[in-house]
Amino acid sequence: MSTLKETLRKKIEEHRPRIAQLTKEHGDVKLGEVTIAQAIGGARGVKCLVTDISYLDPMEGIRFRGKTIPETFEALPKVPGSDYPYVEGFWYMLLTGDVPTMEQTLEVVEDFKKRRQVPEYVFDLLRTLPRDTHPMTMFSAAIVAMQRESVFARNYAEGNFNKMTCWEEMYEDSCNLLAKLPVIAAYIYRMKYKGDTPIGSDANLDFGGDFAQMMGQEKPYDDVARMYFILHSDHESGNVSAHTTHLVASALSDAYYSLSAGINGLAGPLHGLANQEVLSWTQHFMEKLGGEVPTKEKLKEAIWDTLNSGQVVPGYGHAVLRKTDPRYTSQREFCLKTPGLKDYPLFKLVSMIFEVAPDILQEHGKAKNPWPNVDAQSGVIQWYYGVTEYDFYTVLFGVGRAIGVLANITWDRALGYPIERPKSITTDMMEAAAGIK
């Protein structure tokens, strides 16, 4: 048995009594009240989901298993010759809460290599789709097509369901699925955008390094991939992709059904699609400024013109955060230390917007959070390295997001969380409660 799985087993056995005690002895403790605005407004701020994988603090930003982004990058074992850690080690940390040793990390690296092989029928399926099919449709279809490989589904169909051990099947499904996602994503990219010239997996490379070479990219894009996948992995469990994956899994659906559903949610313009929209806006904004990096004064004038015309500055603001998104900061730091990229005109414009936009947005007064989120930066890096196909950006996001949501549903299954079923009320009921009728 692998070190990761055995460590996870011990963590689960230690955690289960905590959930049982909270449910049986403290189940009536109130965590908050729901207002009419929250009920109508998408349950914003309602404390009704549980995850120990990550927590989003409005002022600190995301913490993965209690660690900030800089702490996470600092603590995890690094790929030799790289400033960034193994994605496989991050997977270990999200599942267990422990920072793995290099030996434990490399054990997961080797385990994932054994699980990488994608069934040939998945490629056959992708090739039958029209080439103008959106890459997220292809990605989701490939994931759900592999449902026949599910260990959980097979055991359940054979009458072998055990609520105390079924997390092991979810773990196996999640590892099998996660290991294959870079292969599938890179295949879609090369098939759709690079003249149908797929590049095979390299058994000598880790998760991020192999993805980069299958994309046809040279160093340091392998570091871009490692950074990008970790930064986009998880953001609490209330966002659409995480919540959808959890919701579907709560019906005892397997990892393939659940992740495919979450990927479909990620494809929406109010979620994962936003990063390509921000880049497109930034490029058009630069064209309006004459195609060159403007002076700060000219930029300030252009931003005020944008706001006064009723438009927004995309990439600024966040549903929860009330400070600069640490994911934005991490990518900005990568750009600043990378020769060529730090002098790239598009990055210079994004950097200058960061310097002037928050003050303008605060003065304008309509933005609750005038600080940049992750989408304000991520597209620029991809564009610089030649990944200029906007539609593919959400697939990159999806590979990363799978790490967090699959870790979450493994723990959901281990702790026996029930099927999710909120109660609905009518508009008449709300009006009566508000004294309107």
Protein backbone atom coordinates (compact mmCIF):
# COMPACT_ATOMS: atom_id res chain seq x y z
CA MET A 1 0.00 0.00 0.00
CA SER A 2 1.32 3.47 -0.85
CA THR A 3 2.51 5.84 1.86
CA LEU A 4 -0.07 8.40 0.74
CA LYS A 5 -3.02 6.02 0.95
CA GLU A 6 -1.94 4.60 4.32
CA THR A 7 -1.40 8.09 5.73
CA LEU A 8 -4.79 9.15 4.40
CA ARG A 9 -6.41 6.09 6.02
CA LYS A 10 -5.02 7.07 9.44
CA LYS A 11 -6.16 10.68 8.98
CA ILE A 12 -9.68 9.54 8.09
CA GLU A 13 -9.93 7.21 11.08
CA GLU A 14 -8.82 10.04 13.37
CA HIS A 15 -11.24 12.52 11.78
CA ARG A 16 -14.43 10.46 11.75
CA PRO A 17 -15.06 10.68 15.54
CA ARG A 18 -14.84 14.48 15.33
CA ILE A 19 -17.66 14.61 12.78
CA ALA A 20 -19.73 12.09 14.75
CA GLN A 21 -19.36 14.14 17.96
CA LEU A 22 -20.28 17.40 16.23
CA THR A 23 -23.34 15.80 14.67
CA LYS A 24 -24.62 13.94 17.73
CA GLU A 25 -23.68 16.26 20.59
CA HIS A 26 -23.61 19.70 19.00
CA GLY A 27 -25.90 19.42 16.02
CA ASP A 28 -28.22 22.19 17.28
CA VAL A 29 -25.47 24.83 17.48
CA LYS A 30 -26.31 27.66 15.08
CA LEU A 31 -23.63 28.77 12.64
CA GLY A 32 -25.67 31.68 11.27
CA GLU A 33 -29.02 32.81 9.90
CA VAL A 34 -30.18 33.04 6.31
CA THR A 35 -31.64 36.30 5.05
CA ILE A 36 -33.97 36.83 2.14
CA ALA A 37 -31.11 38.49 0.24
CA GLN A 38 -28.95 35.40 0.74
CA ALA A 39 -31.73 33.05 -0.34
CA ILE A 40 -32.33 35.04 -3.53
CA GLY A 41 -28.70 35.97 -4.09
CA GLY A 42 -27.17 32.55 -4.55
CA ALA A 43 -26.66 31.64 -0.87
CA ARG A 44 -23.79 34.16 -0.72
CA GLY A 45 -22.12 33.97 2.67
CA VAL A 46 -24.31 31.18 4.03
CA LYS A 47 -22.14 28.91 6.18
CA CYS A 48 -23.46 25.50 5.19
CA LEU A 49 -20.57 23.66 3.53
CA VAL A 50 -17.66 21.86 5.18
CA THR A 51 -14.13 21.37 3.83
CA ASP A 52 -10.73 21.12 5.45
CA ILE A 53 -8.88 21.25 2.13
CA SER A 54 -8.80 25.04 1.78
CA TYR A 55 -10.23 28.16 3.38
CA LEU A 56 -10.73 31.58 1.81
CA ASP A 57 -10.19 34.44 4.22
CA PRO A 58 -11.38 37.83 2.92
CA MET A 59 -8.18 39.54 4.07
CA GLU A 60 -5.59 36.76 3.85
CA GLY A 61 -6.74 35.00 0.72
CA ILE A 62 -6.66 31.26 0.15
CA ARG A 63 -5.01 28.86 2.57
CA PHE A 64 -4.32 25.30 1.49
CA ARG A 65 -4.49 23.04 4.54
CA GLY A 66 -3.75 26.09 6.68
CA LYS A 67 -0.86 27.34 4.57
CA THR A 68 -0.81 30.54 2.54
CA ILE A 69 0.31 30.37 -1.07
CA PRO A 70 3.89 31.51 -0.31
CA GLU A 71 4.06 29.03 2.58
CA THR A 72 2.77 26.26 0.33
CA PHE A 73 5.36 26.91 -2.37
CA GLU A 74 8.09 27.17 0.24
CA ALA A 75 7.20 23.99 2.13
CA LEU A 76 6.65 21.47 -0.69
CA PRO A 77 9.51 19.50 -2.28
CA LYS A 78 10.77 21.17 -5.45
CA VAL A 79 11.39 19.62 -8.83
CA PRO A 80 15.19 19.53 -9.37
CA GLY A 81 16.31 22.71 -11.10
CA SER A 82 12.95 24.36 -10.50
CA ASP A 83 11.66 27.01 -8.10
CA TYR A 84 8.29 25.29 -8.03
CA PRO A 85 7.09 22.12 -6.30
CA TYR A 86 5.81 18.85 -7.64
CA VAL A 87 2.05 18.89 -8.22
CA GLU A 88 2.07 15.31 -6.94
CA GLY A 89 3.44 16.53 -3.58
CA PHE A 90 0.71 19.14 -3.44
CA TRP A 91 -1.87 16.37 -4.01
CA TYR A 92 -0.36 14.54 -1.03
CA MET A 93 -0.66 17.67 1.12
CA LEU A 94 -4.26 18.42 0.14
CA LEU A 95 -5.32 14.86 0.96
CA THR A 96 -3.48 14.46 4.26
CA GLY A 97 -2.73 17.94 5.56
CA ASP A 98 0.92 16.88 5.86
CA VAL A 99 3.84 18.28 3.89
CA PRO A 100 5.36 15.21 2.22
CA THR A 101 9.03 14.37 2.22
CA MET A 102 10.82 14.15 -1.11
CA GLU A 103 10.63 10.35 -0.85
CA GLN A 104 6.86 10.44 -0.29
CA THR A 105 6.46 12.93 -3.14
CA LEU A 106 8.43 10.81 -5.58
CA GLU A 107 6.35 7.81 -4.59
CA VAL A 108 3.25 9.69 -5.77
CA VAL A 109 5.09 10.78 -8.93
CA GLU A 110 5.79 7.14 -9.77
CA ASP A 111 2.25 6.09 -8.86
CA PHE A 112 0.78 8.71 -11.19
CA LYS A 113 3.05 7.58 -14.03
CA LYS A 114 1.51 4.11 -13.74
CA ARG A 115 -1.98 5.62 -13.95
CA ARG A 116 -1.33 7.99 -16.90
CA GLN A 117 -2.37 5.70 -19.74
CA VAL A 118 -5.56 7.04 -21.32
CA PRO A 119 -7.88 4.45 -22.89
CA GLU A 120 -7.70 4.60 -26.68
CA TYR A 121 -11.47 4.99 -26.96
CA VAL A 122 -11.17 8.43 -25.32
CA PHE A 123 -9.00 9.67 -28.19
CA ASP A 124 -11.38 8.01 -30.66
CA LEU A 125 -14.28 9.88 -29.06
CA LEU A 126 -12.47 13.22 -29.20
CA ARG A 127 -11.65 12.71 -32.86
CA THR A 128 -15.32 12.15 -33.75
CA LEU A 129 -16.28 15.57 -32.42
CA PRO A 130 -16.37 18.52 -34.84
CA ARG A 131 -13.10 20.44 -34.60
CA ASP A 132 -14.94 23.64 -33.78
CA THR A 133 -16.32 22.01 -30.62
CA HIS A 134 -15.34 24.04 -27.56
CA PRO A 135 -12.32 22.47 -25.82
CA MET A 136 -14.21 22.43 -22.50
CA THR A 137 -16.91 20.32 -24.15
CA MET A 138 -14.20 17.95 -25.34
CA PHE A 139 -12.57 17.89 -21.89
CA SER A 140 -15.84 17.17 -20.09
CA ALA A 141 -16.83 14.51 -22.64
CA ALA A 142 -13.48 12.75 -22.26
CA ILE A 143 -13.83 12.68 -18.48
CA VAL A 144 -17.36 11.29 -18.41
CA ALA A 145 -16.54 8.80 -21.17
CA MET A 146 -14.03 7.17 -18.83
CA GLN A 147 -16.75 6.49 -16.25
CA ARG A 148 -16.71 2.86 -17.33
CA GLU A 149 -13.27 2.66 -15.68
CA SER A 150 -14.66 3.63 -12.25
CA VAL A 151 -13.60 1.28 -9.46
CA PHE A 152 -16.42 2.58 -7.28
CA ALA A 153 -19.11 2.11 -9.94
CA ARG A 154 -17.99 -1.44 -10.62
CA ASN A 155 -17.92 -2.42 -6.95
CA TYR A 156 -21.28 -0.79 -6.28
CA ALA A 157 -22.87 -2.61 -9.24
CA GLU A 158 -21.52 -5.90 -7.88
CA GLY A 159 -23.10 -5.25 -4.47
CA ASN A 160 -19.81 -4.52 -2.71
CA PHE A 161 -20.68 -1.09 -1.31
CA ASN A 162 -19.36 -0.44 2.20
CA LYS A 163 -19.89 3.07 3.58
CA MET A 164 -16.80 2.78 5.81
CA THR A 165 -14.38 1.80 3.05
CA CYS A 166 -15.92 3.30 -0.09
CA TRP A 167 -13.54 6.26 0.22
CA GLU A 168 -10.82 3.92 -1.01
CA GLU A 169 -12.60 3.47 -4.32
CA MET A 170 -13.10 7.23 -4.58
CA TYR A 171 -9.39 7.65 -3.87
CA GLU A 172 -8.45 5.15 -6.60
CA ASP A 173 -10.83 6.76 -9.09
CA SER A 174 -9.53 10.23 -8.23
CA CYS A 175 -5.88 9.23 -8.61
CA ASN A 176 -6.59 7.41 -11.88
CA LEU A 177 -8.52 10.37 -13.25
CA LEU A 178 -6.17 13.12 -12.08
CA ALA A 179 -3.10 11.40 -13.51
CA LYS A 180 -4.74 11.26 -16.96
CA LEU A 181 -5.99 14.85 -17.16
CA PRO A 182 -2.73 16.44 -18.43
CA VAL A 183 -2.56 13.84 -21.20
CA ILE A 184 -6.16 14.52 -22.24
CA ALA A 185 -5.84 18.30 -22.04
CA ALA A 186 -2.62 18.39 -24.07
CA TYR A 187 -4.08 16.00 -26.66
CA ILE A 188 -7.09 18.29 -27.13
CA TYR A 189 -4.77 21.27 -27.56
CA ARG A 190 -2.50 19.63 -30.12
CA MET A 191 -5.39 18.05 -32.02
CA LYS A 192 -7.49 21.19 -32.17
CA TYR A 193 -4.93 23.98 -32.51
CA LYS A 194 -1.62 22.46 -33.68
CA GLY A 195 -2.53 20.64 -36.85
CA ASP A 196 -3.51 17.36 -35.17
CA THR A 197 0.05 16.63 -33.98
CA PRO A 198 -0.27 15.04 -30.51
CA ILE A 199 2.89 14.53 -28.46
CA GLY A 200 3.10 11.41 -26.30
CA SER A 201 3.71 11.32 -22.58
CA ASP A 202 7.30 11.15 -21.29
CA ALA A 203 7.67 8.61 -18.48
CA ASN A 204 10.67 10.50 -17.10
CA LEU A 205 8.71 13.65 -16.29
CA ASP A 206 6.46 14.78 -13.46
CA PHE A 207 2.86 16.03 -13.75
CA GLY A 208 3.75 19.62 -14.71
CA GLY A 209 6.83 18.80 -16.75
CA ASP A 210 5.06 16.16 -18.79
CA PHE A 211 2.15 18.47 -19.50
CA ALA A 212 4.52 21.16 -20.77
CA GLN A 213 6.33 18.82 -23.15
CA MET A 214 3.03 17.33 -24.43
CA MET A 215 1.92 20.90 -25.18
CA GLY A 216 5.12 21.32 -27.18
CA GLN A 217 6.51 23.89 -24.74
CA GLU A 218 10.08 24.32 -23.50
CA LYS A 219 11.27 25.47 -20.08
CA PRO A 220 10.22 27.44 -18.11
CA TYR A 221 6.67 26.59 -19.19
CA ASP A 222 6.92 23.49 -17.00
CA ASP A 223 7.13 25.87 -14.03
CA VAL A 224 4.20 27.85 -15.42
CA ALA A 225 2.17 24.64 -15.46
CA ARG A 226 3.14 23.64 -11.91
CA MET A 227 2.38 27.14 -10.60
CA TYR A 228 -0.86 27.46 -12.55
CA PHE A 229 -2.26 24.07 -11.51
CA ILE A 230 -1.50 24.63 -7.82
CA LEU A 231 -2.86 28.19 -7.76
CA HIS A 232 -6.12 27.15 -9.45
CA SER A 233 -6.61 23.92 -7.50
CA ASP A 234 -9.10 24.92 -4.83
CA HIS A 235 -10.91 27.97 -3.49
CA GLU A 236 -13.14 26.68 -0.71
CA SER A 237 -16.08 24.48 -1.63
CA GLY A 238 -18.72 27.13 -2.39
CA ASN A 239 -17.56 28.13 -5.87
CA VAL A 240 -19.52 26.60 -8.74
CA SER A 241 -17.01 23.96 -9.88
CA ALA A 242 -16.20 22.76 -6.35
CA HIS A 243 -19.78 22.83 -5.14
CA THR A 244 -21.10 21.08 -8.24
CA THR A 245 -18.51 18.32 -7.94
CA HIS A 246 -19.41 17.87 -4.26
CA LEU A 247 -23.15 17.99 -4.96
CA VAL A 248 -23.04 15.32 -7.66
CA ALA A 249 -20.73 13.11 -5.57
CA SER A 250 -23.14 13.40 -2.63
CA ALA A 251 -25.58 11.26 -4.64
CA LEU A 252 -22.90 8.50 -4.57
CA SER A 253 -21.96 9.32 -8.15
CA ASP A 254 -18.38 8.37 -8.90
CA ALA A 255 -15.46 10.73 -9.50
CA TYR A 256 -15.93 10.72 -13.30
CA TYR A 257 -19.56 11.84 -13.21
CA SER A 258 -18.80 14.34 -10.46
CA LEU A 259 -15.75 16.00 -11.99
CA SER A 260 -17.36 16.21 -15.43
CA ALA A 261 -20.27 18.10 -13.85
CA GLY A 262 -17.88 20.43 -12.05
CA ILE A 263 -15.98 21.10 -15.28
CA ASN A 264 -19.25 22.07 -16.95
CA GLY A 265 -19.80 24.64 -14.21
CA LEU A 266 -16.26 25.93 -14.58
CA ALA A 267 -16.95 26.64 -18.26
CA GLY A 268 -19.35 29.47 -17.42
CA PRO A 269 -18.38 33.12 -18.06
CA LEU A 270 -18.97 33.98 -14.39
CA HIS A 271 -16.46 31.34 -13.32
CA GLY A 272 -13.49 29.85 -15.19
CA LEU A 273 -14.18 31.55 -18.50
CA ALA A 274 -13.41 34.91 -16.91
CA ASN A 275 -9.65 34.67 -17.39
CA GLN A 276 -9.89 34.67 -21.18
CA GLU A 277 -12.38 37.54 -21.06
CA VAL A 278 -10.00 39.62 -18.94
CA LEU A 279 -7.12 39.03 -21.38
CA SER A 280 -9.30 39.93 -24.35
CA TRP A 281 -10.40 43.14 -22.63
CA THR A 282 -6.79 44.03 -21.75
CA GLN A 283 -5.65 43.53 -25.34
CA HIS A 284 -8.47 45.64 -26.73
CA PHE A 285 -7.78 48.25 -24.07
CA MET A 286 -4.17 48.40 -25.22
CA GLU A 287 -5.29 48.82 -28.84
CA LYS A 288 -7.39 51.81 -27.82
CA LEU A 289 -4.30 53.26 -26.17
CA GLY A 290 -2.44 53.09 -29.47
CA GLY A 291 -0.95 49.63 -29.07
CA GLU A 292 1.74 50.82 -26.68
CA VAL A 293 2.21 50.94 -22.93
CA PRO A 294 0.78 54.36 -21.96
CA THR A 295 1.92 56.84 -19.37
CA LYS A 296 0.24 56.55 -15.98
CA GLU A 297 -1.68 59.75 -16.59
CA LYS A 298 -3.04 58.53 -19.91
CA LEU A 299 -3.94 55.19 -18.31
CA LYS A 300 -5.78 56.87 -15.46
CA GLU A 301 -7.77 58.92 -17.95
CA ALA A 302 -8.66 55.79 -19.96
CA ILE A 303 -9.80 53.89 -16.86
CA TRP A 304 -11.99 56.80 -15.77
CA ASP A 305 -13.50 56.93 -19.28
CA THR A 306 -14.22 53.19 -18.98
CA LEU A 307 -15.97 53.55 -15.62
CA ASN A 308 -17.89 56.67 -16.58
CA SER A 309 -19.26 54.89 -19.65
CA GLY A 310 -20.83 52.29 -17.35
CA GLN A 311 -18.27 49.55 -17.99
CA VAL A 312 -16.12 47.73 -15.45
CA VAL A 313 -12.43 46.91 -15.23
CA PRO A 314 -12.41 43.10 -15.65
CA GLY A 315 -10.22 41.14 -13.27
CA TYR A 316 -10.83 43.53 -10.39
CA GLY A 317 -13.10 42.56 -7.53
CA HIS A 318 -13.95 39.22 -5.95
CA ALA A 319 -17.01 37.71 -4.27
CA VAL A 320 -15.13 37.03 -1.02
CA LEU A 321 -11.68 38.65 -1.10
CA ARG A 322 -11.18 42.19 0.14
CA LYS A 323 -7.50 42.48 -0.80
CA THR A 324 -5.23 41.67 -3.72
CA ASP A 325 -5.70 38.01 -4.61
CA PRO A 326 -2.52 36.18 -3.49
CA ARG A 327 -2.84 34.07 -6.65
CA TYR A 328 -2.45 37.28 -8.66
CA THR A 329 0.57 38.24 -6.57
CA SER A 330 2.20 34.85 -7.08
CA GLN A 331 1.87 35.08 -10.86
CA ARG A 332 3.06 38.68 -10.84
CA GLU A 333 6.19 37.62 -8.95
CA PHE A 334 6.83 34.94 -11.59
CA CYS A 335 6.62 37.57 -14.32
CA LEU A 336 8.91 40.00 -12.51
CA LYS A 337 11.67 37.40 -12.09
CA THR A 338 11.41 35.93 -15.60
CA PRO A 339 13.66 37.59 -18.23
CA GLY A 340 11.66 38.73 -21.23
CA LEU A 341 8.32 38.39 -19.51
CA LYS A 342 8.93 41.27 -17.11
CA ASP A 343 9.53 43.54 -20.13
CA TYR A 344 6.64 42.16 -22.17
CA PRO A 345 4.38 45.11 -23.12
CA LEU A 346 1.15 43.32 -22.17
CA PHE A 347 2.54 42.48 -18.72
CA LYS A 348 3.76 46.08 -18.35
CA LEU A 349 0.22 47.29 -19.02
CA VAL A 350 -1.30 44.80 -16.56
CA SER A 351 1.30 45.85 -13.99
CA MET A 352 0.51 49.53 -14.50
CA ILE A 353 -3.23 48.88 -14.21
CA PHE A 354 -2.46 47.20 -10.87
CA GLU A 355 -0.64 50.35 -9.76
CA VAL A 356 -3.38 52.83 -10.65
CA ALA A 357 -6.74 51.03 -10.85
CA PRO A 358 -7.37 50.30 -7.12
CA ASP A 359 -7.21 53.99 -6.17
CA ILE A 360 -9.49 54.95 -9.04
CA LEU A 361 -11.99 52.19 -8.18
CA GLN A 362 -12.01 53.29 -4.55
CA GLU A 363 -12.64 56.88 -5.57
CA HIS A 364 -15.33 55.74 -7.98
CA GLY A 365 -16.99 54.09 -5.02
CA LYS A 366 -18.98 51.28 -6.64
CA ALA A 367 -16.55 48.40 -6.21
CA LYS A 368 -16.66 46.50 -2.91
CA ASN A 369 -13.19 45.18 -3.65
CA PRO A 370 -10.96 47.36 -5.85
CA TRP A 371 -8.14 44.81 -5.92
CA PRO A 372 -7.15 42.40 -8.70
CA ASN A 373 -8.12 38.73 -8.69
CA VAL A 374 -6.30 35.81 -10.30
CA ASP A 375 -7.90 36.40 -13.70
CA ALA A 376 -6.23 39.80 -14.06
CA GLN A 377 -2.84 38.15 -14.59
CA SER A 378 -3.07 34.51 -15.70
CA GLY A 379 -3.95 34.99 -19.37
CA VAL A 380 -0.98 37.28 -20.00
CA ILE A 381 1.49 34.55 -19.02
CA GLN A 382 -0.14 32.00 -21.32
CA TRP A 383 -0.17 34.46 -24.20
CA TYR A 384 3.51 35.28 -23.72
CA TYR A 385 4.45 31.60 -24.05
CA GLY A 386 2.46 31.23 -27.25
CA VAL A 387 -0.70 29.66 -25.85
CA THR A 388 -2.84 32.25 -27.59
CA GLU A 389 -5.99 30.16 -27.97
CA TYR A 390 -8.40 31.85 -25.55
CA ASP A 391 -10.85 28.97 -25.51
CA PHE A 392 -8.23 26.63 -24.06
CA TYR A 393 -7.54 28.68 -20.93
CA THR A 394 -10.48 27.20 -19.05
CA VAL A 395 -9.18 23.69 -19.74
CA LEU A 396 -5.93 24.70 -18.04
CA PHE A 397 -8.02 25.96 -15.13
CA GLY A 398 -9.93 22.65 -15.14
CA VAL A 399 -6.81 20.51 -14.80
CA GLY A 400 -5.81 22.53 -11.76
CA ARG A 401 -9.27 22.67 -10.22
CA ALA A 402 -9.52 18.88 -10.42
CA ILE A 403 -6.76 18.58 -7.81
CA GLY A 404 -8.81 20.35 -5.15
CA VAL A 405 -12.26 19.02 -5.92
CA LEU A 406 -11.11 15.40 -6.18
CA ALA A 407 -9.36 15.72 -2.80
CA ASN A 408 -12.59 17.17 -1.40
CA ILE A 409 -14.90 14.42 -2.62
CA THR A 410 -12.50 11.75 -1.38
CA TRP A 411 -12.87 13.21 2.10
CA ASP A 412 -16.64 13.71 1.63
CA ARG A 413 -16.96 10.00 0.93
CA ALA A 414 -14.65 9.07 3.82
CA LEU A 415 -16.69 11.07 6.33
CA GLY A 416 -20.00 9.79 5.02
CA TYR A 417 -21.51 13.16 4.21
CA PRO A 418 -25.12 12.65 3.09
CA ILE A 419 -26.76 13.64 -0.16
CA GLU A 420 -27.12 17.41 -0.33
CA ARG A 421 -30.74 18.55 -0.31
CA PRO A 422 -31.43 22.19 0.73
CA LYS A 423 -35.01 23.23 1.45
CA SER A 424 -36.78 25.69 -0.85
CA ILE A 425 -39.49 28.21 -0.02
CA THR A 426 -41.82 30.23 -2.23
CA THR A 427 -41.84 33.94 -3.02
CA ASP A 428 -45.16 34.18 -1.15
CA MET A 429 -43.49 32.76 1.95
CA MET A 430 -40.67 35.31 1.76
CA GLU A 431 -43.12 38.17 1.29
CA ALA A 432 -45.09 36.98 4.32
CA ALA A 433 -41.89 36.78 6.39
CA ALA A 434 -41.01 40.33 5.29
CA GLY A 435 -44.48 41.60 6.20
CA ILE A 436 -45.34 42.48 2.62
CA LYS A 437 -48.51 40.39 2.74
